[in-house]
Amino acid sequence: MGRSAKRAPPAPSEGYLAEMRDALRIAGTDFDGELASLIRAARCDLALCGVRPELVKDETDPLIKRAVTTYVKAEFGLDNADADKYRAAYGRMKIALGVAAAYIVEG
């Protein structure tokens, strides 16, 4: 087999999901599936730019959490008037994390 299987990022904890619901001002859990999918996508995207795997899944790191929250705010929902603003902010955060010595994979 030519392609190696990549391990999917871990599912977000209930507390992390609750923080994302708060950030989006969502009261219930109806959208938790979509939120979990967006969190995983953000984690994969950060890993692609070289952020260390253990930090990508760290739910307590404030910079990772802010980047993931911004990604979720950009991509959540179909009619999101602020999507472009959040995408641009996420892009800047991703670049900053991708060059920060404390966050990137060495080598």
C-alpha atoms as a PDB file:
ATOM      1  CA  MET A   1       0.000   0.000   0.000  1.00  0.00           C
ATOM      2  CA  GLY A   2       1.532   3.275  -1.146  1.00  0.00           C
ATOM      3  CA  ARG A   3      -0.264   5.572   1.259  1.00  0.00           C
ATOM      4  CA  SER A   4       0.221   5.449   4.968  1.00  0.00           C
ATOM      5  CA  ALA A   5      -2.886   5.917   7.074  1.00  0.00           C
ATOM      6  CA  LYS A   6      -2.866   9.051   9.165  1.00  0.00           C
ATOM      7  CA  ARG A   7      -4.311   8.853  12.616  1.00  0.00           C
ATOM      8  CA  ALA A   8      -7.289  11.162  13.068  1.00  0.00           C
ATOM      9  CA  PRO A   9      -7.008  13.746  15.810  1.00  0.00           C
ATOM     10  CA  PRO A  10      -8.716  12.739  19.045  1.00  0.00           C
ATOM     11  CA  ALA A  11     -12.315  13.694  19.653  1.00  0.00           C
ATOM     12  CA  PRO A  12     -12.620  16.903  21.643  1.00  0.00           C
ATOM     13  CA  SER A  13     -13.586  16.597  25.274  1.00  0.00           C
ATOM     14  CA  GLU A  14     -17.037  17.650  26.479  1.00  0.00           C
ATOM     15  CA  GLY A  15     -15.452  20.668  28.181  1.00  0.00           C
ATOM     16  CA  TYR A  16     -13.765  21.749  24.947  1.00  0.00           C
ATOM     17  CA  LEU A  17     -17.035  21.375  23.055  1.00  0.00           C
ATOM     18  CA  ALA A  18     -18.751  23.452  25.735  1.00  0.00           C
ATOM     19  CA  GLU A  19     -16.149  26.203  25.268  1.00  0.00           C
ATOM     20  CA  MET A  20     -16.770  26.190  21.506  1.00  0.00           C
ATOM     21  CA  ARG A  21     -20.537  26.382  22.084  1.00  0.00           C
ATOM     22  CA  ASP A  22     -19.921  29.366  24.366  1.00  0.00           C
ATOM     23  CA  ALA A  23     -17.708  31.034  21.753  1.00  0.00           C
ATOM     24  CA  LEU A  24     -20.465  30.619  19.168  1.00  0.00           C
ATOM     25  CA  ARG A  25     -23.179  31.531  21.672  1.00  0.00           C
ATOM     26  CA  ILE A  26     -24.957  28.199  21.172  1.00  0.00           C
ATOM     27  CA  ALA A  27     -27.114  27.032  24.082  1.00  0.00           C
ATOM     28  CA  GLY A  28     -27.710  23.356  23.271  1.00  0.00           C
ATOM     29  CA  THR A  29     -25.749  20.364  22.049  1.00  0.00           C
ATOM     30  CA  ASP A  30     -27.546  19.944  18.704  1.00  0.00           C
ATOM     31  CA  PHE A  31     -24.477  21.029  16.721  1.00  0.00           C
ATOM     32  CA  ASP A  32     -21.839  19.087  18.677  1.00  0.00           C
ATOM     33  CA  GLY A  33     -21.203  16.728  15.759  1.00  0.00           C
ATOM     34  CA  GLU A  34     -20.421  19.624  13.438  1.00  0.00           C
ATOM     35  CA  LEU A  35     -18.335  21.346  16.110  1.00  0.00           C
ATOM     36  CA  ALA A  36     -16.318  18.182  16.769  1.00  0.00           C
ATOM     37  CA  SER A  37     -15.685  17.814  13.041  1.00  0.00           C
ATOM     38  CA  LEU A  38     -14.514  21.423  12.777  1.00  0.00           C
ATOM     39  CA  ILE A  39     -12.231  21.023  15.792  1.00  0.00           C
ATOM     40  CA  ARG A  40     -10.656  17.943  14.206  1.00  0.00           C
ATOM     41  CA  ALA A  41     -10.221  19.810  10.902  1.00  0.00           C
ATOM     42  CA  ALA A  42      -8.536  22.724  12.684  1.00  0.00           C
ATOM     43  CA  ARG A  43      -6.218  20.326  14.480  1.00  0.00           C
ATOM     44  CA  CYS A  44      -5.298  18.612  11.204  1.00  0.00           C
ATOM     45  CA  ASP A  45      -4.669  21.971   9.539  1.00  0.00           C
ATOM     46  CA  LEU A  46      -2.382  23.099  12.358  1.00  0.00           C
ATOM     47  CA  ALA A  47      -0.492  19.803  12.140  1.00  0.00           C
ATOM     48  CA  LEU A  48      -0.043  20.315   8.395  1.00  0.00           C
ATOM     49  CA  CYS A  49       1.738  23.615   9.023  1.00  0.00           C
ATOM     50  CA  GLY A  50       4.168  21.892  11.393  1.00  0.00           C
ATOM     51  CA  VAL A  51       2.664  22.405  14.849  1.00  0.00           C
ATOM     52  CA  ARG A  52       3.779  19.595  17.148  1.00  0.00           C
ATOM     53  CA  PRO A  53       1.150  16.810  17.432  1.00  0.00           C
ATOM     54  CA  GLU A  54       1.046  16.903  21.227  1.00  0.00           C
ATOM     55  CA  LEU A  55       0.276  20.623  21.110  1.00  0.00           C
ATOM     56  CA  VAL A  56      -2.317  20.301  18.353  1.00  0.00           C
ATOM     57  CA  LYS A  57      -4.448  18.166  20.659  1.00  0.00           C
ATOM     58  CA  ASP A  58      -3.650  20.139  23.837  1.00  0.00           C
ATOM     59  CA  GLU A  59      -6.968  21.571  24.996  1.00  0.00           C
ATOM     60  CA  THR A  60      -5.338  23.835  27.590  1.00  0.00           C
ATOM     61  CA  ASP A  61      -2.788  25.697  25.467  1.00  0.00           C
ATOM     62  CA  PRO A  62      -4.204  29.216  25.056  1.00  0.00           C
ATOM     63  CA  LEU A  63      -2.745  29.864  21.594  1.00  0.00           C
ATOM     64  CA  ILE A  64      -3.900  26.542  20.180  1.00  0.00           C
ATOM     65  CA  LYS A  65      -7.323  27.034  21.743  1.00  0.00           C
ATOM     66  CA  ARG A  66      -7.609  30.531  20.243  1.00  0.00           C
ATOM     67  CA  ALA A  67      -6.589  29.249  16.800  1.00  0.00           C
ATOM     68  CA  VAL A  68      -9.084  26.368  16.948  1.00  0.00           C
ATOM     69  CA  THR A  69     -11.846  28.687  18.183  1.00  0.00           C
ATOM     70  CA  THR A  70     -11.158  31.130  15.355  1.00  0.00           C
ATOM     71  CA  TYR A  71     -11.223  28.302  12.801  1.00  0.00           C
ATOM     72  CA  VAL A  72     -14.535  27.072  14.186  1.00  0.00           C
ATOM     73  CA  LYS A  73     -15.983  30.599  14.100  1.00  0.00           C
ATOM     74  CA  ALA A  74     -14.913  30.927  10.463  1.00  0.00           C
ATOM     75  CA  GLU A  75     -16.329  27.622   9.272  1.00  0.00           C
ATOM     76  CA  PHE A  76     -19.444  27.096  11.406  1.00  0.00           C
ATOM     77  CA  GLY A  77     -22.815  27.492   9.738  1.00  0.00           C
ATOM     78  CA  LEU A  78     -23.868  28.277   6.203  1.00  0.00           C
ATOM     79  CA  ASP A  79     -24.764  31.956   6.471  1.00  0.00           C
ATOM     80  CA  ASN A  80     -21.776  33.403   8.288  1.00  0.00           C
ATOM     81  CA  ALA A  81     -21.272  37.084   7.497  1.00  0.00           C
ATOM     82  CA  ASP A  82     -17.998  37.168   9.484  1.00  0.00           C
ATOM     83  CA  ALA A  83     -16.446  34.057   7.914  1.00  0.00           C
ATOM     84  CA  ASP A  84     -13.838  35.908   5.865  1.00  0.00           C
ATOM     85  CA  LYS A  85     -12.743  37.991   8.844  1.00  0.00           C
ATOM     86  CA  TYR A  86     -12.276  34.863  10.983  1.00  0.00           C
ATOM     87  CA  ARG A  87     -10.548  32.959   8.163  1.00  0.00           C
ATOM     88  CA  ALA A  88      -8.028  35.782   7.815  1.00  0.00           C
ATOM     89  CA  ALA A  89      -7.444  35.873  11.572  1.00  0.00           C
ATOM     90  CA  TYR A  90      -7.008  32.086  11.672  1.00  0.00           C
ATOM     91  CA  GLY A  91      -4.535  32.271   8.782  1.00  0.00           C
ATOM     92  CA  ARG A  92      -2.419  34.789  10.683  1.00  0.00           C
ATOM     93  CA  MET A  93      -2.491  32.640  13.826  1.00  0.00           C
ATOM     94  CA  LYS A  94      -1.579  29.519  11.865  1.00  0.00           C
ATOM     95  CA  ILE A  95       1.413  31.276  10.310  1.00  0.00           C
ATOM     96  CA  ALA A  96       2.562  32.551  13.706  1.00  0.00           C
ATOM     97  CA  LEU A  97       2.252  29.103  15.281  1.00  0.00           C
ATOM     98  CA  GLY A  98       3.967  27.512  12.290  1.00  0.00           C
ATOM     99  CA  VAL A  99       7.112  29.575  12.807  1.00  0.00           C
ATOM    100  CA  ALA A 100       7.215  29.700  16.605  1.00  0.00           C
ATOM    101  CA  ALA A 101      10.069  27.534  17.827  1.00  0.00           C
ATOM    102  CA  ALA A 102       8.097  26.342  20.860  1.00  0.00           C
ATOM    103  CA  TYR A 103       5.268  25.044  18.650  1.00  0.00           C
ATOM    104  CA  ILE A 104       6.871  23.471  15.610  1.00  0.00           C
ATOM    105  CA  VAL A 105       8.256  20.041  14.919  1.00  0.00           C
ATOM    106  CA  GLU A 106      12.033  20.129  14.873  1.00  0.00           C
ATOM    107  CA  GLY A 107      13.884  18.941  11.819  1.00  0.00           C
END
